[in-house]
Amino acid sequence: MTPGPGPDPPPLSEGPLVSVVLLNYNGRRFLPLWTSFLKEGYPRRELIFVDNGSTDGSAEAFERELSRSFPKVAVRFVRLPKNVGYSQGNNAGVREARGEVIAVVNNDIEVSERWIAPVVEAFREDPRLGVAQSRLYSLSDRTVPDRVWNRVDPFGFAHPSPDPSGPRREVFYAEGAALFVRRALLDDLGYFYPEEFYMLGEDVDLCWRAHLLGWRVAEIAASVAWHARGGTEEGSVTKRNPRVLRAATRNRLATLYTSYGAPRLLLFLPLSGLLALARALLLWRRGDREHARAVLQGVVGFGRDRAFLRQRRSALQARRRSPDREVLALMMGPFEGLLELRSLWEETGHGRPGAGARRTAQA
């Protein structure tokens, strides 16, 4: 018998404290965007600025702007001595957060003046809503929806979502660029992002674990933010480069390994590994050996980490409340996913010598 989702968490207090974690690495060019968090109208909020070993003076520039234009606003600074990556950087901020609701945002995000309240209202209305995402628009053209990646196929690859509609949209995962999480969910999960992920796939892993414990994930339309993309990772995080491919491959396989129950694990983990090898072969054939090696290094990295991932898997599977069939129902179908992967990979020029790389599947 499958256990239920567990008791509802305690209701949020009246006007709960919301902690906003802003992660920055060499984002001085985005400093004008950060003042939007100070102008946001929600009355009970704290801003935690995590500087991830920046070398461009961005944290110091933000401090000067605060003293000049917002002298009465208290911002807590967390300064990391070196760039520890996206997951550990966000985790450092989350550990400092005191709120019942925690928002994590990239440094290339600007928020509307009523960005927080719609999410707090959604959490109040639905006690099983554990993760929420703002509705993202392009900073370069504020009326155009940003290209967000809220869908996942059973092989663990993330896919772009259609243009959003409606006041609330259920999604498989919320993009980490502007993500809210309920404190009660973090207490249930035990940790926020996997420390070793460094970058990419951490939001998929978080939301997959949330689904397994019976929580829901949604995009809230009234919580509006604008996204420049490319502030946390130079250029678009979806662009094809060796570091991205290596991390994405390793992290995708790790999430599959820890999240699936045994029957689906035996089916989808080997297939996802074969897709990674096919991707490496296509890259090799087009003469892109550096990127082909990066994919293979991601596979090898997953294999190297199996020992501690086995412990993480055991702990998660022992506590899961939702069967794989319910989680799979939230995903794309496998054939739809394969067809879209083919289209995405063709778009980036996989297997076509000389073709330009533009976009690829995130994981």
Protein backbone atom coordinates (compact mmCIF):
# COMPACT_ATOMS: atom_id res chain seq x y z
CA MET A 1 0.00 0.00 0.00
CA THR A 2 1.42 3.37 -1.03
CA PRO A 3 1.65 5.87 1.85
CA GLY A 4 -0.21 9.13 1.50
CA PRO A 5 1.43 12.52 1.10
CA GLY A 6 1.66 13.01 4.84
CA PRO A 7 -0.05 15.59 7.04
CA ASP A 8 -0.40 19.12 5.74
CA PRO A 9 2.29 21.48 7.02
CA PRO A 10 1.30 24.10 9.59
CA PRO A 11 -0.29 27.16 8.00
CA LEU A 12 1.91 30.13 7.26
CA SER A 13 1.84 32.84 9.89
CA GLU A 14 0.15 36.13 9.12
CA GLY A 15 2.57 38.00 6.89
CA PRO A 16 5.30 35.32 7.06
CA LEU A 17 8.91 36.37 6.83
CA VAL A 18 10.25 35.74 3.30
CA SER A 19 14.00 35.31 2.86
CA VAL A 20 15.36 36.27 -0.57
CA VAL A 21 18.73 34.71 -1.43
CA LEU A 22 20.46 36.54 -4.27
CA LEU A 23 23.47 34.60 -5.58
CA ASN A 24 26.09 36.64 -7.40
CA TYR A 25 29.26 35.81 -9.27
CA ASN A 26 30.93 38.68 -11.16
CA GLY A 27 27.56 40.25 -11.95
CA ARG A 28 28.43 43.90 -11.55
CA ARG A 29 26.78 44.72 -14.87
CA PHE A 30 23.48 43.61 -13.32
CA LEU A 31 23.70 45.90 -10.28
CA PRO A 32 20.79 48.11 -11.48
CA LEU A 33 18.54 45.04 -11.33
CA TRP A 34 19.30 44.29 -7.68
CA THR A 35 17.61 47.44 -6.41
CA SER A 36 14.29 45.94 -7.55
CA PHE A 37 14.48 43.58 -4.54
CA LEU A 38 14.74 46.61 -2.27
CA LYS A 39 11.76 48.34 -3.89
CA GLU A 40 9.55 45.22 -3.70
CA GLY A 41 6.48 46.00 -1.61
CA TYR A 42 6.10 42.95 0.63
CA PRO A 43 6.48 44.20 4.22
CA ARG A 44 8.30 41.27 5.88
CA ARG A 45 11.32 40.24 3.87
CA GLU A 46 15.06 39.90 4.27
CA LEU A 47 17.63 40.04 1.50
CA ILE A 48 20.67 37.79 1.74
CA PHE A 49 23.33 38.65 -0.83
CA VAL A 50 25.69 35.73 -1.44
CA ASP A 51 28.87 36.72 -3.24
CA ASN A 52 30.37 33.59 -4.75
CA GLY A 53 34.02 34.60 -4.83
CA SER A 54 33.54 37.48 -7.27
CA THR A 55 36.59 39.31 -8.61
CA ASP A 56 34.83 42.26 -10.29
CA GLY A 57 34.01 44.27 -7.15
CA SER A 58 30.27 43.66 -7.56
CA ALA A 59 29.57 43.09 -3.85
CA GLU A 60 31.43 46.27 -2.90
CA ALA A 61 29.57 48.23 -5.59
CA PHE A 62 26.25 46.97 -4.25
CA GLU A 63 27.23 48.01 -0.72
CA ARG A 64 28.03 51.52 -1.96
CA GLU A 65 24.67 51.69 -3.75
CA LEU A 66 22.90 50.59 -0.58
CA SER A 67 24.58 53.26 1.57
CA ARG A 68 23.86 55.94 -1.02
CA SER A 69 20.28 55.13 -2.07
CA PHE A 70 18.88 52.75 0.58
CA PRO A 71 20.63 53.65 3.85
CA LYS A 72 17.81 52.28 6.05
CA VAL A 73 17.61 48.88 4.34
CA ALA A 74 19.53 46.07 6.02
CA VAL A 75 21.05 43.52 3.64
CA ARG A 76 22.95 40.54 4.98
CA PHE A 77 26.11 39.70 3.04
CA VAL A 78 27.57 36.21 2.80
CA ARG A 79 31.02 36.35 1.23
CA LEU A 80 32.48 33.09 0.01
CA PRO A 81 36.27 33.08 -0.46
CA LYS A 82 36.04 31.36 -3.83
CA ASN A 83 33.45 30.33 -6.40
CA VAL A 84 32.01 27.14 -4.92
CA GLY A 85 29.43 26.70 -7.67
CA TYR A 86 25.72 27.29 -8.01
CA SER A 87 24.45 24.60 -5.65
CA GLN A 88 26.81 25.31 -2.76
CA GLY A 89 26.45 29.06 -3.21
CA ASN A 90 22.67 28.87 -2.92
CA ASN A 91 22.92 26.41 -0.04
CA ALA A 92 25.11 28.89 1.84
CA GLY A 93 22.40 31.53 1.53
CA VAL A 94 19.58 29.17 2.42
CA ARG A 95 21.40 28.18 5.62
CA GLU A 96 21.36 31.85 6.63
CA ALA A 97 17.66 32.31 5.83
CA ARG A 98 15.18 32.74 8.68
CA GLY A 99 11.93 32.92 6.72
CA GLU A 100 8.98 30.54 6.48
CA VAL A 101 9.33 31.03 2.72
CA ILE A 102 12.68 31.21 0.94
CA ALA A 103 13.24 32.61 -2.54
CA VAL A 104 16.44 31.94 -4.48
CA VAL A 105 17.18 34.17 -7.45
CA ASN A 106 19.94 34.58 -10.01
CA ASN A 107 21.83 37.84 -10.25
CA ASP A 108 20.37 38.56 -13.72
CA ILE A 109 16.78 38.84 -12.43
CA GLU A 110 14.65 41.95 -11.95
CA VAL A 111 11.41 41.58 -9.99
CA SER A 112 8.13 43.47 -10.02
CA GLU A 113 6.98 45.55 -7.06
CA ARG A 114 4.44 42.84 -6.15
CA TRP A 115 6.61 39.80 -6.68
CA ILE A 116 6.39 38.04 -3.30
CA ALA A 117 2.76 38.40 -2.18
CA PRO A 118 1.18 36.24 -4.95
CA VAL A 119 3.43 33.32 -4.01
CA VAL A 120 2.65 33.68 -0.30
CA GLU A 121 -1.07 33.67 -1.20
CA ALA A 122 -0.62 30.54 -3.32
CA PHE A 123 1.19 28.76 -0.47
CA ARG A 124 -1.66 29.68 1.88
CA GLU A 125 -4.34 28.43 -0.53
CA ASP A 126 -2.61 25.11 -1.21
CA PRO A 127 -0.86 23.55 1.80
CA ARG A 128 0.77 20.89 -0.43
CA LEU A 129 2.34 23.45 -2.77
CA GLY A 130 6.02 23.20 -1.86
CA VAL A 131 7.85 24.95 -4.71
CA ALA A 132 6.73 27.89 -6.84
CA GLN A 133 8.28 29.73 -9.75
CA SER A 134 7.71 33.29 -10.88
CA ARG A 135 6.41 33.88 -14.38
CA LEU A 136 9.53 34.93 -16.24
CA TYR A 137 9.76 37.40 -19.10
CA SER A 138 12.72 38.47 -21.18
CA LEU A 139 14.57 41.49 -19.82
CA SER A 140 15.44 42.58 -23.36
CA ASP A 141 11.77 42.55 -24.44
CA ARG A 142 9.61 42.76 -21.34
CA THR A 143 6.40 41.57 -23.03
CA VAL A 144 7.92 38.34 -24.36
CA PRO A 145 7.86 35.26 -22.10
CA ASP A 146 11.32 33.97 -21.27
CA ARG A 147 12.15 30.53 -22.66
CA VAL A 148 11.75 28.42 -19.54
CA TRP A 149 12.48 24.73 -19.08
CA ASN A 150 9.80 23.24 -16.80
CA ARG A 151 9.34 19.84 -18.44
CA VAL A 152 11.32 16.63 -18.01
CA ASP A 153 11.21 13.37 -19.95
CA PRO A 154 11.67 9.96 -18.26
CA PHE A 155 15.33 9.94 -19.31
CA GLY A 156 15.95 13.03 -17.17
CA PHE A 157 16.41 15.58 -19.98
CA ALA A 158 14.81 18.98 -19.42
CA HIS A 159 12.71 20.52 -22.21
CA PRO A 160 11.38 24.00 -22.94
CA SER A 161 7.81 24.72 -21.97
CA PRO A 162 5.15 26.26 -24.20
CA ASP A 163 4.33 29.91 -23.56
CA PRO A 164 2.60 30.13 -20.16
CA SER A 165 -1.08 30.86 -19.68
CA GLY A 166 -3.52 30.98 -16.78
CA PRO A 167 -3.01 32.24 -13.22
CA ARG A 168 -1.33 29.03 -12.04
CA ARG A 169 0.41 26.34 -14.04
CA GLU A 170 1.40 22.99 -12.59
CA VAL A 171 4.94 22.11 -13.71
CA PHE A 172 7.32 19.23 -13.11
CA TYR A 173 10.05 21.53 -11.88
CA ALA A 174 10.53 25.22 -11.17
CA GLU A 175 13.51 26.97 -12.71
CA GLY A 176 16.07 28.01 -10.13
CA ALA A 177 16.38 31.50 -11.65
CA ALA A 178 13.43 32.70 -9.52
CA LEU A 179 12.26 29.90 -7.26
CA PHE A 180 10.32 29.96 -3.97
CA VAL A 181 10.33 27.06 -1.53
CA ARG A 182 8.32 26.53 1.61
CA ARG A 183 10.39 26.05 4.77
CA ALA A 184 8.26 23.04 5.72
CA LEU A 185 9.31 21.33 2.48
CA LEU A 186 12.99 21.88 3.24
CA ASP A 187 12.45 20.39 6.68
CA ASP A 188 10.78 17.41 4.99
CA LEU A 189 13.54 16.97 2.40
CA GLY A 190 16.45 17.52 4.76
CA TYR A 191 18.52 19.58 2.30
CA PHE A 192 18.04 22.07 -0.52
CA TYR A 193 20.40 21.43 -3.46
CA PRO A 194 22.89 18.52 -3.68
CA GLU A 195 26.22 20.03 -2.65
CA GLU A 196 28.27 18.24 -5.31
CA PHE A 197 26.17 19.32 -8.31
CA TYR A 198 28.20 22.54 -8.76
CA MET A 199 25.76 23.72 -11.44
CA LEU A 200 22.85 22.49 -13.60
CA GLY A 201 20.02 20.10 -12.77
CA GLU A 202 19.78 21.05 -9.10
CA ASP A 203 16.25 22.47 -9.56
CA VAL A 204 15.13 19.26 -11.30
CA ASP A 205 16.56 17.19 -8.45
CA LEU A 206 14.88 19.38 -5.80
CA CYS A 207 11.45 19.21 -7.42
CA TRP A 208 11.67 15.48 -8.19
CA ARG A 209 12.36 14.82 -4.52
CA ALA A 210 9.43 17.10 -3.62
CA HIS A 211 7.08 15.10 -5.87
CA LEU A 212 8.25 11.83 -4.30
CA LEU A 213 7.29 13.18 -0.87
CA GLY A 214 3.85 14.25 -2.06
CA TRP A 215 4.36 17.98 -2.69
CA ARG A 216 3.27 20.03 -5.69
CA VAL A 217 5.18 22.48 -7.91
CA ALA A 218 3.63 25.38 -9.83
CA GLU A 219 4.31 28.58 -11.71
CA ILE A 220 2.43 31.60 -10.30
CA ALA A 221 1.51 34.12 -13.00
CA ALA A 222 1.06 37.16 -10.75
CA SER A 223 4.63 36.85 -9.44
CA VAL A 224 6.44 38.53 -12.35
CA ALA A 225 10.19 38.72 -12.94
CA TRP A 226 12.37 39.59 -15.92
CA HIS A 227 15.37 37.47 -16.82
CA ALA A 228 18.49 38.54 -18.68
CA ARG A 229 19.98 35.02 -18.67
CA GLY A 230 23.70 34.44 -18.47
CA GLY A 231 24.53 36.18 -15.19
CA THR A 232 25.33 33.15 -13.07
CA GLU A 233 27.03 31.25 -15.90
CA GLU A 234 28.61 33.40 -18.58
CA GLY A 235 26.37 33.28 -21.63
CA SER A 236 23.22 31.22 -21.71
CA VAL A 237 23.34 28.27 -19.33
CA THR A 238 21.85 26.18 -22.13
CA LYS A 239 24.68 26.88 -24.56
CA ARG A 240 26.90 23.93 -25.38
CA ASN A 241 30.28 24.12 -23.70
CA PRO A 242 32.40 21.41 -22.07
CA ARG A 243 31.75 22.38 -18.46
CA VAL A 244 27.98 22.54 -19.02
CA LEU A 245 27.84 19.19 -20.81
CA ARG A 246 30.00 17.44 -18.24
CA ALA A 247 27.99 18.71 -15.25
CA ALA A 248 24.60 18.23 -16.91
CA THR A 249 25.35 14.63 -17.90
CA ARG A 250 26.65 13.63 -14.48
CA ASN A 251 23.84 15.37 -12.57
CA ARG A 252 21.08 13.98 -14.79
CA LEU A 253 22.24 10.41 -14.22
CA ALA A 254 22.65 11.05 -10.48
CA THR A 255 19.07 12.35 -10.20
CA LEU A 256 17.68 9.35 -12.08
CA TYR A 257 19.66 6.99 -9.87
CA THR A 258 18.49 8.48 -6.58
CA SER A 259 14.87 9.17 -7.60
CA TYR A 260 13.51 6.14 -9.46
CA GLY A 261 12.28 3.00 -7.78
CA ALA A 262 13.97 -0.23 -8.87
CA PRO A 263 11.80 -1.23 -11.90
CA ARG A 264 11.93 2.18 -13.61
CA LEU A 265 15.56 2.64 -12.62
CA LEU A 266 16.54 -0.54 -14.45
CA LEU A 267 14.72 0.74 -17.55
CA PHE A 268 15.43 4.46 -17.75
CA LEU A 269 18.93 4.82 -16.27
CA PRO A 270 20.59 2.55 -18.90
CA LEU A 271 18.58 4.22 -21.68
CA SER A 272 19.63 7.67 -20.48
CA GLY A 273 23.24 6.48 -20.40
CA LEU A 274 22.91 5.20 -23.97
CA LEU A 275 21.50 8.57 -25.05
CA ALA A 276 24.53 10.26 -23.48
CA LEU A 277 26.85 7.95 -25.42
CA ALA A 278 24.89 8.64 -28.63
CA ARG A 279 25.29 12.35 -28.00
CA ALA A 280 29.03 11.94 -27.52
CA LEU A 281 29.23 9.95 -30.77
CA LEU A 282 27.35 12.62 -32.71
CA LEU A 283 29.66 15.30 -31.36
CA TRP A 284 32.72 13.21 -32.19
CA ARG A 285 31.50 12.65 -35.75
CA ARG A 286 31.15 16.36 -36.35
CA GLY A 287 34.73 16.82 -35.16
CA ASP A 288 33.68 18.34 -31.82
CA ARG A 289 35.89 16.09 -29.72
CA GLU A 290 36.24 18.44 -26.78
CA HIS A 291 32.49 18.40 -26.17
CA ALA A 292 32.24 14.67 -26.86
CA ARG A 293 34.85 14.05 -24.17
CA ALA A 294 32.92 16.29 -21.77
CA VAL A 295 29.81 14.12 -22.12
CA LEU A 296 31.86 10.97 -21.54
CA GLN A 297 33.49 12.59 -18.51
CA GLY A 298 30.01 13.24 -17.12
CA VAL A 299 29.13 9.54 -17.46
CA VAL A 300 32.42 8.56 -15.79
CA GLY A 301 31.82 11.11 -13.02
CA PHE A 302 28.46 9.54 -12.24
CA GLY A 303 30.02 6.10 -12.05
CA ARG A 304 32.75 7.39 -9.74
CA ASP A 305 30.15 8.86 -7.35
CA ARG A 306 27.94 5.80 -7.11
CA ALA A 307 29.09 4.92 -3.57
CA PHE A 308 27.77 8.03 -1.85
CA LEU A 309 24.84 8.33 -4.25
CA ARG A 310 23.75 4.86 -3.13
CA GLN A 311 23.36 6.16 0.43
CA ARG A 312 21.36 9.15 -0.79
CA ARG A 313 19.14 6.88 -2.86
CA SER A 314 18.46 4.57 0.08
CA ALA A 315 17.47 7.46 2.34
CA LEU A 316 15.11 8.98 -0.27
CA GLN A 317 13.48 5.71 -1.32
CA ALA A 318 12.78 4.80 2.32
CA ARG A 319 10.81 8.03 2.79
CA ARG A 320 9.01 8.35 -0.53
CA ARG A 321 5.22 8.74 -0.44
CA SER A 322 4.38 8.80 -4.17
CA PRO A 323 4.95 5.88 -6.56
CA ASP A 324 6.87 6.31 -9.81
CA ARG A 325 3.69 6.03 -11.88
CA GLU A 326 2.34 9.24 -10.30
CA VAL A 327 5.60 11.10 -10.89
CA LEU A 328 5.85 9.81 -14.48
CA ALA A 329 2.34 11.13 -15.12
CA LEU A 330 3.75 14.63 -14.58
CA MET A 331 6.47 14.13 -17.21
CA MET A 332 6.54 14.10 -20.98
CA GLY A 333 6.04 10.71 -22.56
CA PRO A 334 9.23 8.87 -23.55
CA PHE A 335 8.53 8.99 -27.31
CA GLU A 336 7.58 12.66 -27.21
CA GLY A 337 10.76 13.31 -25.27
CA LEU A 338 12.93 11.44 -27.79
CA LEU A 339 11.40 13.29 -30.72
CA GLU A 340 11.95 16.65 -29.07
CA LEU A 341 15.50 15.72 -28.09
CA ARG A 342 16.23 14.94 -31.73
CA SER A 343 14.86 18.32 -32.75
CA LEU A 344 16.83 20.15 -30.05
CA TRP A 345 20.05 18.38 -30.91
CA GLU A 346 19.60 19.15 -34.61
CA GLU A 347 19.04 22.78 -33.67
CA THR A 348 22.48 22.86 -32.06
CA GLY A 349 24.16 21.26 -35.05
CA HIS A 350 24.83 17.82 -33.52
CA GLY A 351 26.11 15.58 -36.30
CA ARG A 352 26.25 18.37 -38.88
CA PRO A 353 29.81 19.64 -39.40
CA GLY A 354 30.06 23.41 -39.39
CA ALA A 355 26.57 24.05 -38.04
CA GLY A 356 26.29 26.71 -35.34
CA ALA A 357 25.41 25.85 -31.77
CA ARG A 358 22.47 27.80 -30.40
CA ARG A 359 20.39 25.81 -27.89
CA THR A 360 20.39 22.35 -26.45
CA ALA A 361 18.47 20.39 -23.86
CA GLN A 362 19.45 21.65 -20.43
CA ALA A 363 20.21 18.30 -18.92
